Protein backbone atom coordinates (compact mmCIF):
# COMPACT_ATOMS: atom_id res chain seq x y z
CA MET A 1 43.78 148.05 100.11
CA LYS A 2 46.53 146.63 102.30
CA ILE A 3 47.33 143.09 103.36
CA ILE A 4 48.30 143.06 107.02
CA ARG A 5 49.89 140.28 109.05
CA ASN A 6 49.40 139.65 112.74
CA SER A 7 52.73 138.18 113.80
CA ASN A 8 51.15 136.75 116.97
CA LEU A 9 48.96 134.46 114.85
CA CYS A 10 51.49 133.40 112.20
CA TYR A 11 53.10 129.97 112.69
CA ALA A 12 55.12 129.91 109.42
CA CYS A 13 53.06 127.06 107.99
CA LYS A 14 53.73 128.46 104.48
CA THR A 15 50.16 127.96 103.25
CA CYS A 16 50.14 131.59 102.11
CA GLN A 17 53.35 131.01 100.15
CA LEU A 18 51.86 127.98 98.39
CA ALA A 19 48.56 129.76 97.64
CA CYS A 20 50.47 132.69 96.18
CA SER A 21 52.60 130.46 93.98
CA PHE A 22 49.44 128.75 92.72
CA HIS A 23 47.99 132.14 91.77
CA HIS A 24 51.09 132.99 89.73
CA THR A 25 51.82 129.61 88.12
CA LYS A 26 48.73 127.39 88.57
CA ALA A 27 51.06 125.00 90.41
CA PHE A 28 52.43 124.77 93.95
CA TRP A 29 55.89 126.22 93.32
CA PRO A 30 57.11 128.15 96.40
CA GLU A 31 60.08 129.64 94.57
CA ARG A 32 57.65 131.53 92.29
CA SER A 33 55.61 132.99 95.15
CA SER A 34 55.49 136.70 96.00
CA ILE A 35 55.63 135.62 99.66
CA ILE A 36 58.70 134.24 101.39
CA VAL A 37 58.29 132.62 104.81
CA SER A 38 61.10 131.23 106.93
CA ARG A 39 61.61 130.18 110.52
CA ASN A 40 64.92 130.27 112.37
CA PRO A 41 65.36 126.79 113.93
CA GLN A 42 67.54 128.10 116.75
CA ASP A 43 65.24 130.76 118.19
CA GLY A 44 61.94 130.18 116.38
CA THR A 45 61.72 133.67 114.91
CA ILE A 46 59.63 133.95 111.76
CA LYS A 47 60.51 136.10 108.77
CA TRP A 48 57.65 136.93 106.43
CA ARG A 49 58.24 139.04 103.33
CA MET A 50 56.21 140.03 100.32
CA ASN A 51 58.04 141.18 97.21
CA ALA A 52 57.03 143.57 94.43
CA THR A 53 55.50 140.83 92.26
CA CYS A 54 52.38 140.77 94.47
CA ASP A 55 49.32 141.81 92.47
CA GLN A 56 46.94 141.11 95.39
CA CYS A 57 45.49 138.26 93.34
CA ILE A 58 43.90 140.39 90.68
CA ASN A 59 40.77 138.74 89.25
CA GLU A 60 40.14 136.92 92.55
CA LYS A 61 37.50 137.87 95.10
CA GLU A 62 40.22 138.25 97.75
CA PRO A 63 43.96 137.55 97.87
CA LEU A 64 44.53 133.81 98.12
CA CYS A 65 47.05 134.23 100.95
CA VAL A 66 44.33 135.85 103.06
CA LYS A 67 41.66 133.39 101.98
CA TYR A 68 43.68 130.28 102.87
CA CYS A 69 45.50 131.47 106.01
CA MET A 70 44.24 128.86 108.46
CA TYR A 71 45.31 130.86 111.52
CA GLY A 72 43.73 134.16 110.50
CA ALA A 73 47.12 135.90 110.56
CA LEU A 74 46.53 137.70 107.25
CA GLN A 75 43.76 140.20 106.73
CA ILE A 76 42.76 142.94 104.32
CA SER A 77 42.54 146.47 105.61
CA ASN A 78 41.30 149.53 103.79
CA LYS A 79 42.39 151.86 106.59
CA ASN A 80 45.32 152.27 108.97
CA ALA A 81 45.75 149.38 111.38
CA ASN A 82 47.91 148.51 114.37
CA GLU A 83 49.45 145.51 112.60
CA LYS A 84 52.33 146.12 110.23
CA GLU A 85 51.72 146.21 106.52
CA VAL A 86 53.21 143.00 105.18
CA LYS A 87 55.63 144.87 102.95
CA ASP A 88 57.18 146.30 106.14
CA ASN A 89 59.20 143.20 107.05
CA ASP A 90 59.16 142.10 110.71
């Protein structure tokens, strides 16, 4: 299973980062998230990274970052896809 990100749909709202931190700590603590989202204020480019601490929300029906992404930018794929795997930084 892979988590893929469609960069055309991501607006760097950081909901995925907060959901991830909640999974790990049971609190909204972005510094403890497996996901790091940032936006460059000069040119608007978005950096989205997932580090090695991601366990794809084991014991959950689906990863919380995918479940709560309000723009549909994150999806689960069990096969090869055109979008980049999230671990392959933009």
